[in-house]
């Protein structure tokens, strides 16, 4: 396990995710003036991408609609399975608690701890001094948990008391749920 995806997986993620979000845009008529291709999607502003993404995660039935559409004709079974797996997402606010060599620890609601990899850029370079409070969507990708390409970070300074409470929350989450390594019905856990 690496702290970022391999180059071919980065390309695959963006290929699949762009196609899905272009489909959502077309179906929900979010950016009505735009009939987007996957290449055009990648050039959209963060604000426009976030609008489309919000619709996807509030109406995840779009994933099933996409998988039944003609848009998937050129995708293989592995690619279809990746898109299907995105129904097992975790959306919300997280604390990036700590960075390890193979992943970063994201804490949610002091109850769950996720082992998350960066997509292209290592999370420890994007957020070098944890803890950091963020909003994002975690999704499965092959044998990793990644974020969906958009992270909204908040500029908040945390004192030593809060840092200690995060450490306690992490230890409690590991005891109760284990470190979550996979987002699926049967989440794989580790004691890290």
N, C-alpha and C. Protein backbone atom coordinates (compact mmCIF):
# COMPACT_ATOMS: atom_id res chain seq x y z
N UNK A 1 0.85 -1.19 0.00
CA UNK A 1 0.00 0.00 0.00
C UNK A 1 0.88 1.24 0.00
N UNK A 2 0.60 2.16 -0.87
CA UNK A 2 1.37 3.40 -0.98
C UNK A 2 0.51 4.56 -0.46
N UNK A 3 1.14 5.72 -0.24
CA UNK A 3 0.36 6.86 0.23
C UNK A 3 -0.28 7.65 -0.91
N UNK A 4 -0.03 7.26 -2.15
CA UNK A 4 -0.72 7.81 -3.33
C UNK A 4 -0.98 6.66 -4.31
N UNK A 5 -1.86 6.92 -5.25
CA UNK A 5 -2.15 5.91 -6.27
C UNK A 5 -1.02 5.85 -7.29
N UNK A 6 -0.88 4.70 -7.91
CA UNK A 6 0.05 4.56 -9.03
C UNK A 6 -0.46 5.41 -10.19
N UNK A 7 0.42 5.83 -11.08
CA UNK A 7 0.07 6.73 -12.18
C UNK A 7 -1.11 6.20 -13.01
N UNK A 8 -1.08 4.91 -13.36
CA UNK A 8 -2.18 4.37 -14.17
C UNK A 8 -3.51 4.38 -13.40
N UNK A 9 -3.45 4.23 -12.07
CA UNK A 9 -4.67 4.30 -11.27
C UNK A 9 -5.18 5.73 -11.13
N UNK A 10 -4.27 6.70 -11.07
CA UNK A 10 -4.68 8.11 -11.06
C UNK A 10 -5.46 8.40 -12.34
N UNK A 11 -4.91 7.99 -13.47
CA UNK A 11 -5.57 8.21 -14.76
C UNK A 11 -6.92 7.51 -14.81
N UNK A 12 -6.96 6.28 -14.31
CA UNK A 12 -8.21 5.51 -14.30
C UNK A 12 -9.25 6.19 -13.41
N UNK A 13 -8.85 6.62 -12.22
CA UNK A 13 -9.79 7.30 -11.33
C UNK A 13 -10.41 8.51 -12.02
N UNK A 14 -9.58 9.39 -12.57
CA UNK A 14 -10.11 10.60 -13.20
C UNK A 14 -10.96 10.28 -14.43
N UNK A 15 -10.59 9.26 -15.16
CA UNK A 15 -11.39 8.85 -16.33
C UNK A 15 -12.79 8.43 -15.89
N UNK A 16 -12.87 7.57 -14.90
CA UNK A 16 -14.16 7.05 -14.45
C UNK A 16 -14.98 8.11 -13.72
N UNK A 17 -14.33 8.85 -12.85
CA UNK A 17 -15.04 9.85 -12.04
C UNK A 17 -15.57 10.99 -12.92
N UNK A 18 -14.78 11.41 -13.90
CA UNK A 18 -15.21 12.46 -14.82
C UNK A 18 -16.42 12.00 -15.62
N UNK A 19 -16.39 10.75 -16.10
CA UNK A 19 -17.53 10.25 -16.87
C UNK A 19 -18.80 10.22 -16.01
N UNK A 20 -18.66 9.74 -14.78
CA UNK A 20 -19.82 9.67 -13.89
C UNK A 20 -20.38 11.06 -13.62
N UNK A 21 -19.52 12.01 -13.30
CA UNK A 21 -20.01 13.35 -12.98
C UNK A 21 -20.57 14.07 -14.21
N UNK A 22 -20.04 13.81 -15.38
CA UNK A 22 -20.63 14.37 -16.61
C UNK A 22 -22.04 13.83 -16.81
N UNK A 23 -22.21 12.54 -16.53
CA UNK A 23 -23.54 11.93 -16.61
C UNK A 23 -24.50 12.58 -15.62
N UNK A 24 -24.05 12.76 -14.38
CA UNK A 24 -24.88 13.39 -13.35
C UNK A 24 -25.27 14.80 -13.78
N UNK A 25 -24.30 15.55 -14.31
CA UNK A 25 -24.58 16.90 -14.78
C UNK A 25 -25.67 16.89 -15.85
N UNK A 26 -25.56 15.97 -16.78
CA UNK A 26 -26.53 15.91 -17.88
C UNK A 26 -27.92 15.52 -17.36
N UNK A 27 -27.97 14.52 -16.48
CA UNK A 27 -29.26 14.04 -15.97
C UNK A 27 -29.95 15.07 -15.07
N UNK A 28 -29.18 15.70 -14.19
CA UNK A 28 -29.74 16.64 -13.21
C UNK A 28 -29.79 18.07 -13.74
N UNK A 29 -29.21 18.28 -14.92
CA UNK A 29 -29.19 19.62 -15.53
C UNK A 29 -28.64 20.68 -14.57
N UNK A 30 -27.48 20.40 -14.02
CA UNK A 30 -26.87 21.29 -13.04
C UNK A 30 -26.25 22.50 -13.74
N UNK A 31 -25.38 22.23 -14.66
CA UNK A 31 -24.79 23.30 -15.48
C UNK A 31 -25.48 23.22 -16.83
N UNK A 32 -26.64 23.78 -16.92
CA UNK A 32 -27.51 23.58 -18.08
C UNK A 32 -26.88 24.04 -19.39
N UNK A 33 -26.04 25.03 -19.32
CA UNK A 33 -25.45 25.53 -20.56
C UNK A 33 -24.29 24.66 -21.04
N UNK A 34 -23.94 23.65 -20.25
CA UNK A 34 -22.75 22.86 -20.59
C UNK A 34 -23.10 21.40 -20.83
N UNK A 35 -22.82 20.92 -22.01
CA UNK A 35 -22.86 19.50 -22.31
C UNK A 35 -21.42 19.05 -22.20
N UNK A 36 -21.06 18.50 -21.06
CA UNK A 36 -19.66 18.26 -20.75
C UNK A 36 -19.13 16.93 -21.25
N UNK A 37 -17.91 16.98 -21.73
CA UNK A 37 -17.16 15.76 -21.97
C UNK A 37 -16.27 15.56 -20.74
N UNK A 38 -15.77 14.34 -20.52
CA UNK A 38 -14.88 14.13 -19.38
C UNK A 38 -13.66 15.07 -19.38
N UNK A 39 -13.11 15.37 -20.55
CA UNK A 39 -11.97 16.29 -20.60
C UNK A 39 -12.37 17.70 -20.19
N UNK A 40 -13.56 18.13 -20.61
CA UNK A 40 -14.05 19.45 -20.23
C UNK A 40 -14.34 19.52 -18.74
N UNK A 41 -14.82 18.41 -18.17
CA UNK A 41 -15.12 18.39 -16.74
C UNK A 41 -13.89 18.77 -15.92
N UNK A 42 -12.75 18.23 -16.31
CA UNK A 42 -11.52 18.49 -15.56
C UNK A 42 -11.09 19.95 -15.61
N UNK A 43 -11.62 20.72 -16.56
CA UNK A 43 -11.26 22.14 -16.65
C UNK A 43 -12.26 23.04 -15.93
N UNK A 44 -13.33 22.47 -15.38
CA UNK A 44 -14.33 23.27 -14.67
C UNK A 44 -13.74 23.87 -13.40
N UNK A 45 -14.35 24.94 -12.95
CA UNK A 45 -13.95 25.54 -11.67
C UNK A 45 -14.28 24.57 -10.54
N UNK A 46 -13.60 24.72 -9.43
CA UNK A 46 -13.89 23.89 -8.26
C UNK A 46 -15.34 24.06 -7.83
N UNK A 47 -15.85 25.28 -7.93
CA UNK A 47 -17.23 25.56 -7.53
C UNK A 47 -18.21 24.75 -8.37
N UNK A 48 -18.00 24.70 -9.69
CA UNK A 48 -18.90 23.95 -10.57
C UNK A 48 -18.76 22.44 -10.35
N UNK A 49 -17.54 21.97 -10.17
CA UNK A 49 -17.35 20.54 -9.89
C UNK A 49 -18.03 20.15 -8.58
N UNK A 50 -17.92 21.04 -7.58
CA UNK A 50 -18.53 20.77 -6.28
C UNK A 50 -20.06 20.71 -6.38
N UNK A 51 -20.66 21.54 -7.23
CA UNK A 51 -22.12 21.50 -7.42
C UNK A 51 -22.56 20.14 -7.95
N UNK A 52 -21.85 19.64 -8.94
CA UNK A 52 -22.21 18.36 -9.54
C UNK A 52 -21.98 17.23 -8.54
N UNK A 53 -20.86 17.28 -7.86
CA UNK A 53 -20.52 16.26 -6.87
C UNK A 53 -21.55 16.21 -5.75
N UNK A 54 -22.04 17.37 -5.31
CA UNK A 54 -23.04 17.42 -4.24
C UNK A 54 -24.31 16.68 -4.64
N UNK A 55 -24.73 16.86 -5.89
CA UNK A 55 -25.92 16.16 -6.38
C UNK A 55 -25.67 14.66 -6.37
N UNK A 56 -24.51 14.23 -6.82
CA UNK A 56 -24.18 12.80 -6.84
C UNK A 56 -24.31 12.19 -5.45
N UNK A 57 -23.74 12.82 -4.45
CA UNK A 57 -23.72 12.21 -3.11
C UNK A 57 -25.00 12.43 -2.32
N UNK A 58 -25.90 13.28 -2.79
CA UNK A 58 -27.21 13.37 -2.15
C UNK A 58 -28.23 12.50 -2.87
N UNK A 59 -27.89 12.07 -4.09
CA UNK A 59 -28.78 11.21 -4.88
C UNK A 59 -27.95 10.11 -5.53
N UNK A 60 -27.45 9.20 -4.70
CA UNK A 60 -26.51 8.20 -5.22
C UNK A 60 -27.15 7.22 -6.20
N UNK A 61 -28.47 7.30 -6.39
CA UNK A 61 -29.11 6.47 -7.41
C UNK A 61 -28.58 6.80 -8.80
N UNK A 62 -27.93 7.96 -8.94
CA UNK A 62 -27.31 8.30 -10.23
C UNK A 62 -26.21 7.30 -10.59
N UNK A 63 -25.59 6.69 -9.60
CA UNK A 63 -24.56 5.68 -9.89
C UNK A 63 -25.21 4.49 -10.59
N UNK A 64 -26.33 4.01 -10.06
CA UNK A 64 -27.03 2.89 -10.71
C UNK A 64 -27.52 3.28 -12.11
N UNK A 65 -28.04 4.49 -12.25
CA UNK A 65 -28.51 4.93 -13.56
C UNK A 65 -27.35 4.97 -14.57
N UNK A 66 -26.21 5.46 -14.11
CA UNK A 66 -25.03 5.51 -14.97
C UNK A 66 -24.62 4.11 -15.41
N UNK A 67 -24.61 3.18 -14.46
CA UNK A 67 -24.18 1.81 -14.75
C UNK A 67 -25.12 1.09 -15.71
N UNK A 68 -26.36 1.56 -15.81
CA UNK A 68 -27.33 0.96 -16.73
C UNK A 68 -27.41 1.72 -18.06
N UNK A 69 -26.66 2.80 -18.19
CA UNK A 69 -26.75 3.65 -19.38
C UNK A 69 -25.79 3.20 -20.47
N UNK A 70 -25.95 3.78 -21.65
CA UNK A 70 -25.05 3.47 -22.76
C UNK A 70 -23.66 4.07 -22.55
N UNK A 71 -23.53 4.93 -21.57
CA UNK A 71 -22.23 5.56 -21.28
C UNK A 71 -21.16 4.56 -20.82
N UNK A 72 -21.58 3.38 -20.44
CA UNK A 72 -20.62 2.40 -19.90
C UNK A 72 -20.21 1.35 -20.92
N UNK A 73 -20.65 1.49 -22.15
CA UNK A 73 -20.36 0.48 -23.15
C UNK A 73 -18.87 0.19 -23.33
N UNK A 74 -18.04 1.20 -23.19
CA UNK A 74 -16.61 1.00 -23.41
C UNK A 74 -15.85 0.69 -22.12
N UNK A 75 -16.56 0.49 -21.02
CA UNK A 75 -15.89 0.19 -19.75
C UNK A 75 -15.89 -1.32 -19.51
N UNK A 76 -14.81 -1.82 -18.93
CA UNK A 76 -14.73 -3.24 -18.63
C UNK A 76 -15.33 -3.54 -17.25
N UNK A 77 -15.43 -4.81 -16.90
CA UNK A 77 -16.06 -5.22 -15.65
C UNK A 77 -15.35 -4.65 -14.42
N UNK A 78 -14.03 -4.58 -14.45
CA UNK A 78 -13.29 -4.01 -13.31
C UNK A 78 -13.63 -2.53 -13.13
N UNK A 79 -13.72 -1.81 -14.23
CA UNK A 79 -14.06 -0.39 -14.16
C UNK A 79 -15.49 -0.18 -13.66
N UNK A 80 -16.40 -1.04 -14.10
CA UNK A 80 -17.78 -0.96 -13.63
C UNK A 80 -17.86 -1.26 -12.13
N UNK A 81 -17.06 -2.22 -11.68
CA UNK A 81 -17.04 -2.56 -10.24
C UNK A 81 -16.52 -1.40 -9.40
N UNK A 82 -15.53 -0.69 -9.91
CA UNK A 82 -15.01 0.48 -9.20
C UNK A 82 -16.11 1.52 -9.03
N UNK A 83 -16.82 1.82 -10.10
CA UNK A 83 -17.89 2.81 -10.02
C UNK A 83 -18.99 2.33 -9.08
N UNK A 84 -19.36 1.08 -9.17
CA UNK A 84 -20.36 0.49 -8.26
C UNK A 84 -19.94 0.66 -6.80
N UNK A 85 -18.65 0.49 -6.53
CA UNK A 85 -18.16 0.57 -5.15
C UNK A 85 -18.31 1.98 -4.56
N UNK A 86 -18.42 2.99 -5.41
CA UNK A 86 -18.52 4.36 -4.91
C UNK A 86 -19.81 4.63 -4.17
N UNK A 87 -20.76 3.69 -4.22
CA UNK A 87 -21.97 3.84 -3.41
C UNK A 87 -21.63 3.69 -1.92
N UNK A 88 -20.46 3.16 -1.61
CA UNK A 88 -20.01 2.99 -0.22
C UNK A 88 -19.11 4.15 0.18
N UNK A 89 -19.61 5.36 0.08
CA UNK A 89 -18.80 6.54 0.38
C UNK A 89 -19.03 7.00 1.82
N UNK A 90 -18.13 7.81 2.32
CA UNK A 90 -18.25 8.49 3.62
C UNK A 90 -18.08 9.98 3.35
N UNK A 91 -19.16 10.73 3.53
CA UNK A 91 -19.14 12.16 3.26
C UNK A 91 -19.22 12.91 4.58
N UNK A 92 -18.46 14.00 4.68
CA UNK A 92 -18.60 14.81 5.88
C UNK A 92 -17.33 15.52 6.27
N UNK A 93 -17.29 15.89 7.53
CA UNK A 93 -16.12 16.57 8.10
C UNK A 93 -15.24 15.54 8.79
N UNK A 94 -13.95 15.73 8.63
CA UNK A 94 -12.96 14.82 9.19
C UNK A 94 -11.82 15.64 9.79
N UNK A 95 -11.12 15.03 10.71
CA UNK A 95 -9.84 15.55 11.15
C UNK A 95 -8.77 14.68 10.52
N UNK A 96 -7.83 15.30 9.81
CA UNK A 96 -6.64 14.54 9.41
C UNK A 96 -5.79 14.52 10.67
N UNK A 97 -5.71 13.35 11.28
CA UNK A 97 -5.08 13.21 12.57
C UNK A 97 -3.56 13.02 12.48
N UNK A 98 -3.15 12.13 11.57
CA UNK A 98 -1.74 11.76 11.52
C UNK A 98 -1.41 11.19 10.15
N UNK A 99 -0.14 11.35 9.76
CA UNK A 99 0.34 10.77 8.50
C UNK A 99 1.27 9.61 8.81
N UNK A 100 1.08 8.53 8.07
CA UNK A 100 1.99 7.39 8.11
C UNK A 100 2.57 7.21 6.71
N UNK A 101 3.50 6.29 6.60
CA UNK A 101 4.16 6.06 5.31
C UNK A 101 3.17 5.61 4.23
N UNK A 102 2.20 4.77 4.60
CA UNK A 102 1.30 4.20 3.61
C UNK A 102 -0.06 4.90 3.51
N UNK A 103 -0.40 5.72 4.48
CA UNK A 103 -1.70 6.38 4.48
C UNK A 103 -1.74 7.47 5.54
N UNK A 104 -2.81 8.24 5.51
CA UNK A 104 -3.07 9.23 6.56
C UNK A 104 -4.32 8.80 7.31
N UNK A 105 -4.40 9.17 8.57
CA UNK A 105 -5.55 8.81 9.40
C UNK A 105 -6.56 9.96 9.37
N UNK A 106 -7.76 9.66 8.93
CA UNK A 106 -8.88 10.60 8.95
C UNK A 106 -9.83 10.14 10.05
N UNK A 107 -10.14 11.03 10.98
CA UNK A 107 -11.09 10.73 12.05
C UNK A 107 -12.43 11.39 11.74
N UNK A 108 -13.50 10.65 11.93
CA UNK A 108 -14.84 11.19 11.71
C UNK A 108 -15.66 11.02 12.98
N UNK A 109 -16.18 12.14 13.47
CA UNK A 109 -17.08 12.14 14.62
C UNK A 109 -16.51 11.39 15.82
N UNK A 110 -15.22 11.37 15.96
CA UNK A 110 -14.55 10.70 17.08
C UNK A 110 -14.94 9.23 17.21
N UNK A 111 -15.53 8.66 16.16
CA UNK A 111 -15.98 7.27 16.24
C UNK A 111 -15.33 6.36 15.22
N UNK A 112 -14.89 6.92 14.11
CA UNK A 112 -14.33 6.11 13.03
C UNK A 112 -12.98 6.66 12.63
N UNK A 113 -12.06 5.75 12.32
CA UNK A 113 -10.73 6.12 11.85
C UNK A 113 -10.49 5.42 10.51
N UNK A 114 -10.17 6.22 9.48
CA UNK A 114 -9.98 5.71 8.13
C UNK A 114 -8.53 5.86 7.71
N UNK A 115 -8.00 4.86 7.02
CA UNK A 115 -6.67 4.92 6.42
C UNK A 115 -6.85 5.40 4.98
N UNK A 116 -6.44 6.65 4.70
CA UNK A 116 -6.74 7.29 3.42
C UNK A 116 -5.46 7.60 2.66
N UNK A 117 -5.48 7.30 1.37
CA UNK A 117 -4.35 7.62 0.48
C UNK A 117 -4.68 8.86 -0.34
N UNK A 118 -3.65 9.58 -0.73
CA UNK A 118 -3.83 10.66 -1.67
C UNK A 118 -4.05 10.09 -3.06
N UNK A 119 -4.51 10.93 -3.95
CA UNK A 119 -4.70 10.48 -5.32
C UNK A 119 -3.38 10.66 -6.07
N UNK A 120 -3.03 11.88 -6.33
CA UNK A 120 -1.79 12.19 -7.05
C UNK A 120 -0.76 12.80 -6.11
N UNK A 121 -1.21 13.71 -5.26
CA UNK A 121 -0.32 14.37 -4.30
C UNK A 121 -0.44 13.70 -2.94
N UNK A 122 0.69 13.42 -2.29
CA UNK A 122 0.63 12.83 -0.95
C UNK A 122 -0.07 13.78 0.03
N UNK A 123 -0.94 13.22 0.85
CA UNK A 123 -1.67 14.03 1.82
C UNK A 123 -0.74 14.72 2.81
N UNK A 124 0.40 14.09 3.12
CA UNK A 124 1.34 14.72 4.06
C UNK A 124 2.03 15.93 3.46
N UNK A 125 2.00 16.07 2.14
CA UNK A 125 2.51 17.29 1.50
C UNK A 125 1.41 18.34 1.38
N UNK A 126 0.18 17.90 1.18
CA UNK A 126 -0.94 18.83 1.08
C UNK A 126 -1.27 19.45 2.45
N UNK A 127 -1.17 18.63 3.49
CA UNK A 127 -1.49 19.05 4.85
C UNK A 127 -0.36 18.60 5.78
N UNK A 128 0.77 19.33 5.75
CA UNK A 128 1.98 18.85 6.44
C UNK A 128 1.91 18.85 7.97
N UNK A 129 1.05 19.65 8.56
CA UNK A 129 1.01 19.72 10.03
C UNK A 129 -0.37 19.41 10.59
N UNK A 130 -0.66 18.13 10.76
CA UNK A 130 -1.94 17.77 11.37
C UNK A 130 -1.93 18.14 12.86
N UNK A 131 -3.12 18.27 13.46
CA UNK A 131 -4.42 17.96 12.88
C UNK A 131 -4.92 19.10 11.98
N UNK A 132 -5.72 18.68 11.00
CA UNK A 132 -6.34 19.62 10.07
C UNK A 132 -7.82 19.22 9.97
N UNK A 133 -8.69 20.21 10.02
CA UNK A 133 -10.12 19.97 9.91
C UNK A 133 -10.52 20.18 8.46
N UNK A 134 -11.17 19.18 7.86
CA UNK A 134 -11.51 19.23 6.44
C UNK A 134 -12.93 18.75 6.20
N UNK A 135 -13.41 19.03 5.01
CA UNK A 135 -14.66 18.46 4.52
C UNK A 135 -14.34 17.80 3.19
N UNK A 136 -14.77 16.55 3.04
CA UNK A 136 -14.52 15.84 1.79
C UNK A 136 -15.43 14.63 1.70
N UNK A 137 -15.24 13.85 0.66
CA UNK A 137 -15.94 12.58 0.48
C UNK A 137 -14.88 11.50 0.30
N UNK A 138 -14.96 10.49 1.13
CA UNK A 138 -14.06 9.34 1.00
C UNK A 138 -14.75 8.28 0.17
N UNK A 139 -14.01 7.71 -0.77
CA UNK A 139 -14.57 6.67 -1.63
C UNK A 139 -13.57 5.52 -1.75
N UNK A 140 -14.09 4.31 -2.01
CA UNK A 140 -13.17 3.20 -2.26
C UNK A 140 -12.59 3.30 -3.66
N UNK A 141 -11.36 2.86 -3.79
CA UNK A 141 -10.75 2.74 -5.11
C UNK A 141 -9.79 1.56 -5.07
N UNK A 142 -10.18 0.49 -5.72
CA UNK A 142 -9.42 -0.77 -5.68
C UNK A 142 -9.21 -1.14 -4.22
N UNK A 143 -7.97 -1.28 -3.77
CA UNK A 143 -7.73 -1.70 -2.39
C UNK A 143 -7.38 -0.53 -1.47
N UNK A 144 -7.82 0.68 -1.84
CA UNK A 144 -7.54 1.88 -1.06
C UNK A 144 -8.83 2.60 -0.68
N UNK A 145 -8.69 3.52 0.26
CA UNK A 145 -9.68 4.57 0.46
C UNK A 145 -9.00 5.86 0.01
N UNK A 146 -9.67 6.60 -0.86
CA UNK A 146 -9.16 7.89 -1.32
C UNK A 146 -10.24 8.93 -1.09
N UNK A 147 -9.88 10.20 -1.22
CA UNK A 147 -10.90 11.24 -1.25
C UNK A 147 -11.28 11.43 -2.71
N UNK A 148 -12.38 12.10 -2.97
CA UNK A 148 -12.90 12.16 -4.33
C UNK A 148 -12.30 13.26 -5.20
N UNK A 149 -11.21 13.85 -4.77
CA UNK A 149 -10.55 14.88 -5.57
C UNK A 149 -10.78 16.29 -5.07
N UNK A 150 -11.76 16.48 -4.21
CA UNK A 150 -12.05 17.80 -3.65
C UNK A 150 -11.97 17.75 -2.13
N UNK A 151 -11.14 18.61 -1.56
CA UNK A 151 -11.03 18.73 -0.11
C UNK A 151 -11.16 20.21 0.24
N UNK A 152 -12.04 20.50 1.17
CA UNK A 152 -12.19 21.86 1.67
C UNK A 152 -11.55 21.88 3.06
N UNK A 153 -10.42 22.55 3.19
CA UNK A 153 -9.73 22.64 4.47
C UNK A 153 -10.09 23.90 5.20
N UNK A 154 -10.12 23.82 6.52
CA UNK A 154 -10.43 24.97 7.36
C UNK A 154 -9.18 25.39 8.12
N UNK A 155 -8.94 26.66 8.18
CA UNK A 155 -7.75 27.20 8.84
C UNK A 155 -8.06 27.41 10.33
N UNK A 156 -7.79 26.37 11.09
CA UNK A 156 -8.04 26.40 12.53
C UNK A 156 -6.78 25.92 13.24
N UNK A 157 -6.40 26.61 14.30
CA UNK A 157 -5.26 26.18 15.11
C UNK A 157 -5.79 25.38 16.31
N UNK A 158 -5.16 24.24 16.58
CA UNK A 158 -5.59 23.38 17.67
C UNK A 158 -4.54 23.37 18.77
N UNK A 159 -4.97 23.58 19.99
CA UNK A 159 -4.07 23.56 21.13
C UNK A 159 -3.76 22.15 21.58
N UNK A 160 -2.87 22.03 22.57
CA UNK A 160 -2.41 20.71 23.02
C UNK A 160 -3.55 19.91 23.65
N UNK A 161 -4.48 20.56 24.34
CA UNK A 161 -5.61 19.85 24.93
C UNK A 161 -6.46 19.18 23.87
N UNK A 162 -6.72 19.89 22.79
CA UNK A 162 -7.52 19.32 21.71
C UNK A 162 -6.76 18.20 21.01
N UNK A 163 -5.47 18.40 20.82
CA UNK A 163 -4.65 17.35 20.19
C UNK A 163 -4.70 16.06 21.02
N UNK A 164 -4.65 16.21 22.34
CA UNK A 164 -4.74 15.04 23.21
C UNK A 164 -6.11 14.37 23.09
N UNK A 165 -7.18 15.17 22.98
CA UNK A 165 -8.50 14.57 22.84
C UNK A 165 -8.63 13.84 21.49
N UNK A 166 -7.96 14.35 20.43
CA UNK A 166 -7.96 13.64 19.15
C UNK A 166 -7.23 12.30 19.27
N UNK A 167 -6.13 12.31 20.02
CA UNK A 167 -5.40 11.06 20.24
C UNK A 167 -6.29 10.05 20.95
N UNK A 168 -7.02 10.51 21.97
CA UNK A 168 -7.95 9.63 22.68
C UNK A 168 -9.05 9.12 21.75
N UNK A 169 -9.56 10.02 20.89
CA UNK A 169 -10.60 9.62 19.94
C UNK A 169 -10.08 8.57 18.96
N UNK A 170 -8.85 8.74 18.53
CA UNK A 170 -8.25 7.77 17.61
C UNK A 170 -8.11 6.41 18.29
N UNK A 171 -7.61 6.41 19.51
CA UNK A 171 -7.45 5.14 20.24
C UNK A 171 -8.81 4.48 20.47
N UNK A 172 -9.82 5.27 20.81
CA UNK A 172 -11.16 4.72 21.03
C UNK A 172 -11.73 4.16 19.73
N UNK A 173 -11.56 4.87 18.63
CA UNK A 173 -12.05 4.40 17.33
C UNK A 173 -11.38 3.09 16.94
N UNK A 174 -10.07 2.99 17.19
CA UNK A 174 -9.35 1.74 16.86
C UNK A 174 -9.88 0.58 17.71
N UNK A 175 -10.15 0.85 18.98
CA UNK A 175 -10.67 -0.22 19.86
C UNK A 175 -12.07 -0.65 19.42
N UNK A 176 -12.92 0.32 19.11
CA UNK A 176 -14.32 0.01 18.81
C UNK A 176 -14.55 -0.50 17.40
N UNK A 177 -14.01 0.18 16.42
CA UNK A 177 -14.27 -0.15 15.01
C UNK A 177 -13.05 -0.72 14.31
N UNK A 178 -11.86 -0.47 14.84
CA UNK A 178 -10.63 -0.80 14.13
C UNK A 178 -10.32 0.29 13.13
N UNK A 179 -9.13 0.30 12.60
CA UNK A 179 -8.76 1.23 11.55
C UNK A 179 -9.39 0.74 10.25
N UNK A 180 -10.22 1.55 9.65
CA UNK A 180 -10.97 1.14 8.45
C UNK A 180 -10.07 1.30 7.23
N UNK A 181 -9.78 0.18 6.58
CA UNK A 181 -8.89 0.16 5.41
C UNK A 181 -9.65 0.08 4.09
N UNK A 182 -10.91 -0.34 4.15
CA UNK A 182 -11.73 -0.49 2.95
C UNK A 182 -13.12 0.08 3.23
N UNK A 183 -13.71 0.72 2.25
CA UNK A 183 -15.10 1.17 2.34
C UNK A 183 -15.95 0.18 1.56
N UNK A 184 -16.60 -0.68 2.27
CA UNK A 184 -17.47 -1.66 1.64
C UNK A 184 -18.40 -2.21 2.71
N UNK A 185 -19.27 -3.12 2.32
CA UNK A 185 -20.19 -3.73 3.29
C UNK A 185 -19.40 -4.42 4.40
N UNK A 186 -18.37 -5.15 4.02
CA UNK A 186 -17.50 -5.80 5.00
C UNK A 186 -16.19 -5.05 5.07
N UNK A 187 -16.14 -4.02 5.91
CA UNK A 187 -14.96 -3.19 6.00
C UNK A 187 -13.79 -3.98 6.59
N UNK A 188 -12.64 -3.91 5.92
CA UNK A 188 -11.43 -4.53 6.42
C UNK A 188 -10.80 -3.61 7.46
N UNK A 189 -10.37 -4.19 8.57
CA UNK A 189 -9.82 -3.37 9.66
C UNK A 189 -8.43 -3.80 10.03
N UNK A 190 -7.71 -2.87 10.67
CA UNK A 190 -6.34 -3.08 11.09
C UNK A 190 -6.19 -2.46 12.46
N UNK A 191 -5.24 -2.91 13.23
CA UNK A 191 -5.05 -2.36 14.58
C UNK A 191 -4.01 -1.25 14.63
N UNK A 192 -3.32 -0.96 13.55
CA UNK A 192 -2.26 0.05 13.40
C UNK A 192 -1.91 0.71 14.71
